[in-house]
Amino acid sequence: MDKITTCVFDAYGTLFDVNAACRELSKEVGDKWYELSSLWRLRQVEYTWLRNSMKEYIDFWKITSDALDYAMETLNIKNIKLRKDLLSLYLNLEAYPEVKSVLEKIKKNGFKTVILSNGNKKMLECAVSNAKIQDLIDEILSVDDCKVYKPSSEVYDLVESKMGVKIEKVLFLSSNAWDIHAASNYGFKTIWVNRFQAKLERLPGKPYKIINSLEQIEKILKN
């Protein structure tokens, strides 16, 4: 990968475990914790797409809160304290176990590291700080800078407009198949971090490589 200078990471589901909040409070949530987590995440993502279509942007923290309210109401979970605790944990999500060591190796090999996310700056900075990886990330790019969500090309434009990095020098990594399709179609070289053996969507754009853990990146970067 002679041309690649910059590794751009999606945040949620790629670096940070979106199930961590509900899993942490599984005793309080009960046996519905995974169902709650899944529905919360699904509505969170769907609300970004729908708001893009309606041209009604609000920041990702409000979307995250709205999605949780919908999920709790759907599952008939009425607990104001639990809602507050879940949102507090979401603000400080755990990173996946391999993230820190992988970023250290990438930096050691001379690549720049960037987060490009739907999250707002506060959410991303909190998650990065909680994971103790702030010294391993060169730049945090949020959709707040363009007021539209992925998969709009305006989001992927931020890498060049904010950092001056050309498309052909970017390696983009995400655990979300729809994000990978969009970034690939945009022109980035992409790696799908397929943690849960999902299937590719029937959409334009295909990943350069598919891996199941970030630990496999170093070998690809050396080729």
Protein backbone atom coordinates (compact mmCIF):
# COMPACT_ATOMS: atom_id res chain seq x y z
CA MET A 1 0.00 0.00 0.00
CA ASP A 2 2.58 2.52 -1.15
CA LYS A 3 0.07 5.35 -1.73
CA ILE A 4 -1.75 5.07 1.60
CA THR A 5 -0.75 7.68 4.17
CA THR A 6 -3.86 7.91 6.33
CA CYS A 7 -6.08 5.37 8.09
CA VAL A 8 -9.59 6.73 8.62
CA PHE A 9 -11.78 4.90 11.13
CA ASP A 10 -15.49 4.95 11.71
CA ALA A 11 -16.12 5.18 15.46
CA TYR A 12 -19.24 3.33 16.59
CA GLY A 13 -19.03 -0.42 16.12
CA THR A 14 -15.54 -0.10 14.64
CA LEU A 15 -13.44 1.35 17.47
CA PHE A 16 -16.11 1.51 20.18
CA ASP A 17 -18.47 -1.26 21.27
CA VAL A 18 -22.04 0.01 20.84
CA ASN A 19 -23.41 -2.86 22.96
CA ALA A 20 -21.25 -1.93 25.95
CA ALA A 21 -23.78 0.38 27.63
CA CYS A 22 -26.65 -2.13 27.71
CA ARG A 23 -24.31 -5.00 28.55
CA GLU A 24 -22.88 -3.04 31.49
CA LEU A 25 -26.40 -2.55 32.86
CA SER A 26 -27.71 -5.98 31.91
CA LYS A 27 -28.75 -6.70 35.52
CA GLU A 28 -30.95 -3.61 35.52
CA VAL A 29 -32.26 -4.15 31.99
CA GLY A 30 -32.79 -7.88 32.47
CA ASP A 31 -32.99 -10.46 29.70
CA LYS A 32 -34.07 -7.77 27.24
CA TRP A 33 -30.65 -6.06 27.32
CA TYR A 34 -29.44 -7.32 23.93
CA GLU A 35 -32.81 -6.70 22.30
CA LEU A 36 -32.77 -3.16 23.70
CA SER A 37 -29.21 -2.57 22.51
CA SER A 38 -29.97 -3.85 19.00
CA LEU A 39 -33.15 -1.82 18.60
CA TRP A 40 -31.47 1.29 20.00
CA ARG A 41 -28.63 0.98 17.49
CA LEU A 42 -30.96 0.20 14.59
CA ARG A 43 -33.15 3.24 15.20
CA GLN A 44 -30.09 5.42 15.81
CA VAL A 45 -28.74 4.63 12.36
CA GLU A 46 -32.13 4.73 10.65
CA TYR A 47 -32.89 8.16 12.12
CA THR A 48 -29.71 9.54 10.54
CA TRP A 49 -30.78 8.27 7.12
CA LEU A 50 -34.33 9.53 7.52
CA ARG A 51 -33.21 12.95 8.71
CA ASN A 52 -30.86 13.17 5.72
CA SER A 53 -33.82 12.49 3.44
CA MET A 54 -35.96 15.07 5.23
CA LYS A 55 -33.08 17.59 5.42
CA GLU A 56 -33.73 17.90 9.16
CA TYR A 57 -30.32 17.71 10.82
CA ILE A 58 -29.93 17.48 14.58
CA ASP A 59 -26.76 16.35 16.28
CA PHE A 60 -26.04 12.69 16.98
CA TRP A 61 -26.51 12.97 20.73
CA LYS A 62 -30.15 13.97 20.26
CA ILE A 63 -30.62 11.18 17.74
CA THR A 64 -29.05 8.73 20.19
CA SER A 65 -31.42 9.91 22.94
CA ASP A 66 -34.47 9.74 20.66
CA ALA A 67 -33.55 6.24 19.51
CA LEU A 68 -33.18 5.05 23.10
CA ASP A 69 -36.58 6.52 24.01
CA TYR A 70 -38.16 4.69 21.07
CA ALA A 71 -36.46 1.39 21.98
CA MET A 72 -37.44 1.61 25.66
CA GLU A 73 -41.04 2.47 24.83
CA THR A 74 -41.25 -0.37 22.29
CA LEU A 75 -39.97 -2.88 24.85
CA ASN A 76 -42.15 -1.38 27.61
CA ILE A 77 -39.16 -0.45 29.77
CA LYS A 78 -40.21 2.44 32.03
CA ASN A 79 -37.22 3.50 34.08
CA ILE A 80 -35.99 7.10 34.05
CA LYS A 81 -32.83 6.31 36.02
CA LEU A 82 -31.95 3.48 33.65
CA ARG A 83 -32.34 5.84 30.68
CA LYS A 84 -30.02 8.35 32.31
CA ASP A 85 -27.46 5.67 33.16
CA LEU A 86 -27.51 4.19 29.65
CA LEU A 87 -26.90 7.58 28.06
CA SER A 88 -24.08 8.28 30.52
CA LEU A 89 -22.41 4.99 29.59
CA TYR A 90 -22.92 5.64 25.88
CA LEU A 91 -20.99 8.86 26.25
CA ASN A 92 -18.05 6.80 27.53
CA LEU A 93 -18.27 3.62 25.46
CA GLU A 94 -15.60 0.96 25.81
CA ALA A 95 -13.18 0.45 22.95
CA TYR A 96 -12.77 -3.05 21.57
CA PRO A 97 -9.86 -4.83 23.30
CA GLU A 98 -7.44 -4.69 20.35
CA VAL A 99 -7.97 -1.02 19.47
CA LYS A 100 -5.18 0.59 21.47
CA SER A 101 -2.44 -1.85 20.46
CA VAL A 102 -3.50 -1.73 16.79
CA LEU A 103 -3.41 2.07 16.75
CA GLU A 104 0.03 2.03 18.37
CA LYS A 105 1.34 -0.24 15.61
CA ILE A 106 -0.24 1.86 12.86
CA LYS A 107 1.31 5.03 14.27
CA LYS A 108 4.67 3.29 14.66
CA ASN A 109 4.56 2.45 10.95
CA GLY A 110 4.15 6.13 10.06
CA PHE A 111 0.46 6.34 9.13
CA LYS A 112 -1.84 9.15 10.22
CA THR A 113 -4.95 8.10 12.13
CA VAL A 114 -8.32 9.83 11.82
CA ILE A 115 -11.82 9.24 13.16
CA LEU A 116 -14.66 10.11 10.77
CA SER A 117 -17.98 9.68 12.51
CA ASN A 118 -21.63 10.60 12.79
CA GLY A 119 -20.94 11.34 16.45
CA ASN A 120 -20.65 14.91 17.63
CA LYS A 121 -17.30 16.21 18.90
CA LYS A 122 -18.17 15.86 22.58
CA MET A 123 -19.30 12.23 22.17
CA LEU A 124 -16.18 11.33 20.21
CA GLU A 125 -13.78 13.13 22.51
CA CYS A 126 -15.33 11.43 25.55
CA ALA A 127 -15.06 7.97 23.97
CA VAL A 128 -11.48 8.59 22.85
CA SER A 129 -10.51 9.85 26.31
CA ASN A 130 -12.23 6.93 28.04
CA ALA A 131 -10.29 4.49 25.83
CA LYS A 132 -7.04 6.40 26.52
CA ILE A 133 -6.22 6.66 22.82
CA GLN A 134 -6.14 10.46 22.47
CA ASP A 135 -2.39 10.38 21.76
CA LEU A 136 -2.96 7.82 19.01
CA ILE A 137 -5.55 9.79 16.99
CA ASP A 138 -4.32 12.66 14.81
CA GLU A 139 -7.74 14.12 14.03
CA ILE A 140 -11.40 13.68 14.96
CA LEU A 141 -13.80 14.60 12.16
CA SER A 142 -17.49 14.91 12.99
CA VAL A 143 -20.48 15.33 10.70
CA ASP A 144 -21.25 18.44 12.73
CA ASP A 145 -18.82 20.12 10.33
CA CYS A 146 -21.10 19.51 7.34
CA LYS A 147 -24.52 19.06 9.02
CA VAL A 148 -25.40 15.89 7.14
CA TYR A 149 -24.93 12.22 8.02
CA LYS A 150 -23.26 9.30 6.33
CA PRO A 151 -23.58 7.99 3.68
CA SER A 152 -23.65 11.46 2.11
CA SER A 153 -20.51 12.14 0.09
CA GLU A 154 -20.22 15.45 1.96
CA VAL A 155 -19.11 13.48 5.02
CA TYR A 156 -16.31 11.68 3.18
CA ASP A 157 -15.31 15.04 1.66
CA LEU A 158 -14.25 16.15 5.17
CA VAL A 159 -11.07 14.06 4.99
CA GLU A 160 -9.70 16.18 2.16
CA SER A 161 -11.31 19.50 3.06
CA LYS A 162 -10.22 19.39 6.72
CA MET A 163 -6.93 17.50 6.43
CA GLY A 164 -5.83 17.95 2.84
CA VAL A 165 -5.55 14.19 2.28
CA LYS A 166 -6.40 13.03 -1.26
CA ILE A 167 -8.82 10.16 -1.82
CA GLU A 168 -6.16 7.80 -3.18
CA LYS A 169 -4.11 8.14 0.02
CA VAL A 170 -6.93 7.06 2.34
CA LEU A 171 -7.62 3.64 3.81
CA PHE A 172 -11.12 3.72 5.33
CA LEU A 173 -12.22 1.18 7.94
CA SER A 174 -15.73 0.56 9.23
CA SER A 175 -17.72 -2.27 10.78
CA ASN A 176 -20.90 -1.04 9.09
CA ALA A 177 -21.46 -2.61 5.67
CA TRP A 178 -23.55 0.35 4.41
CA ASP A 179 -20.73 2.72 5.39
CA ILE A 180 -18.20 0.56 3.54
CA HIS A 181 -20.34 0.45 0.40
CA ALA A 182 -20.72 4.24 0.45
CA ALA A 183 -17.04 4.96 1.17
CA SER A 184 -15.95 2.49 -1.52
CA ASN A 185 -18.33 4.04 -4.03
CA TYR A 186 -16.95 7.45 -3.06
CA GLY A 187 -13.46 6.33 -3.99
CA PHE A 188 -11.74 5.34 -0.74
CA LYS A 189 -9.85 2.07 -0.47
CA THR A 190 -11.89 0.32 2.22
CA ILE A 191 -11.65 -2.48 4.73
CA TRP A 192 -14.80 -3.91 6.23
CA VAL A 193 -14.28 -4.93 9.86
CA ASN A 194 -16.94 -7.62 9.81
CA ARG A 195 -16.99 -8.52 13.51
CA PHE A 196 -20.25 -10.47 13.43
CA GLN A 197 -20.10 -12.39 10.12
CA ALA A 198 -22.70 -10.21 8.45
CA LYS A 199 -23.35 -10.08 4.70
CA LEU A 200 -22.60 -7.29 2.27
CA GLU A 201 -25.55 -5.21 1.16
CA ARG A 202 -26.82 -5.04 -2.43
CA LEU A 203 -25.38 -1.56 -2.91
CA PRO A 204 -22.72 0.13 -5.06
CA GLY A 205 -19.12 -0.10 -3.90
CA LYS A 206 -17.19 -3.12 -2.63
CA PRO A 207 -14.53 -3.39 0.10
CA TYR A 208 -10.89 -3.93 -0.81
CA LYS A 209 -10.56 -6.42 2.06
CA ILE A 210 -12.82 -8.00 4.67
CA ILE A 211 -11.46 -8.78 8.15
CA ASN A 212 -13.07 -9.78 11.45
CA SER A 213 -10.73 -7.89 13.79
CA LEU A 214 -8.65 -4.75 13.59
CA GLU A 215 -5.63 -6.89 14.49
CA GLN A 216 -5.41 -7.96 10.85
CA ILE A 217 -4.77 -4.42 9.57
CA GLU A 218 -1.02 -4.30 10.14
CA LYS A 219 -0.34 -7.17 7.75
CA ILE A 220 -2.47 -5.53 5.04
CA LEU A 221 -0.72 -2.19 5.45
CA LYS A 222 2.67 -3.83 4.96
CA ASN A 223 1.68 -5.39 1.62
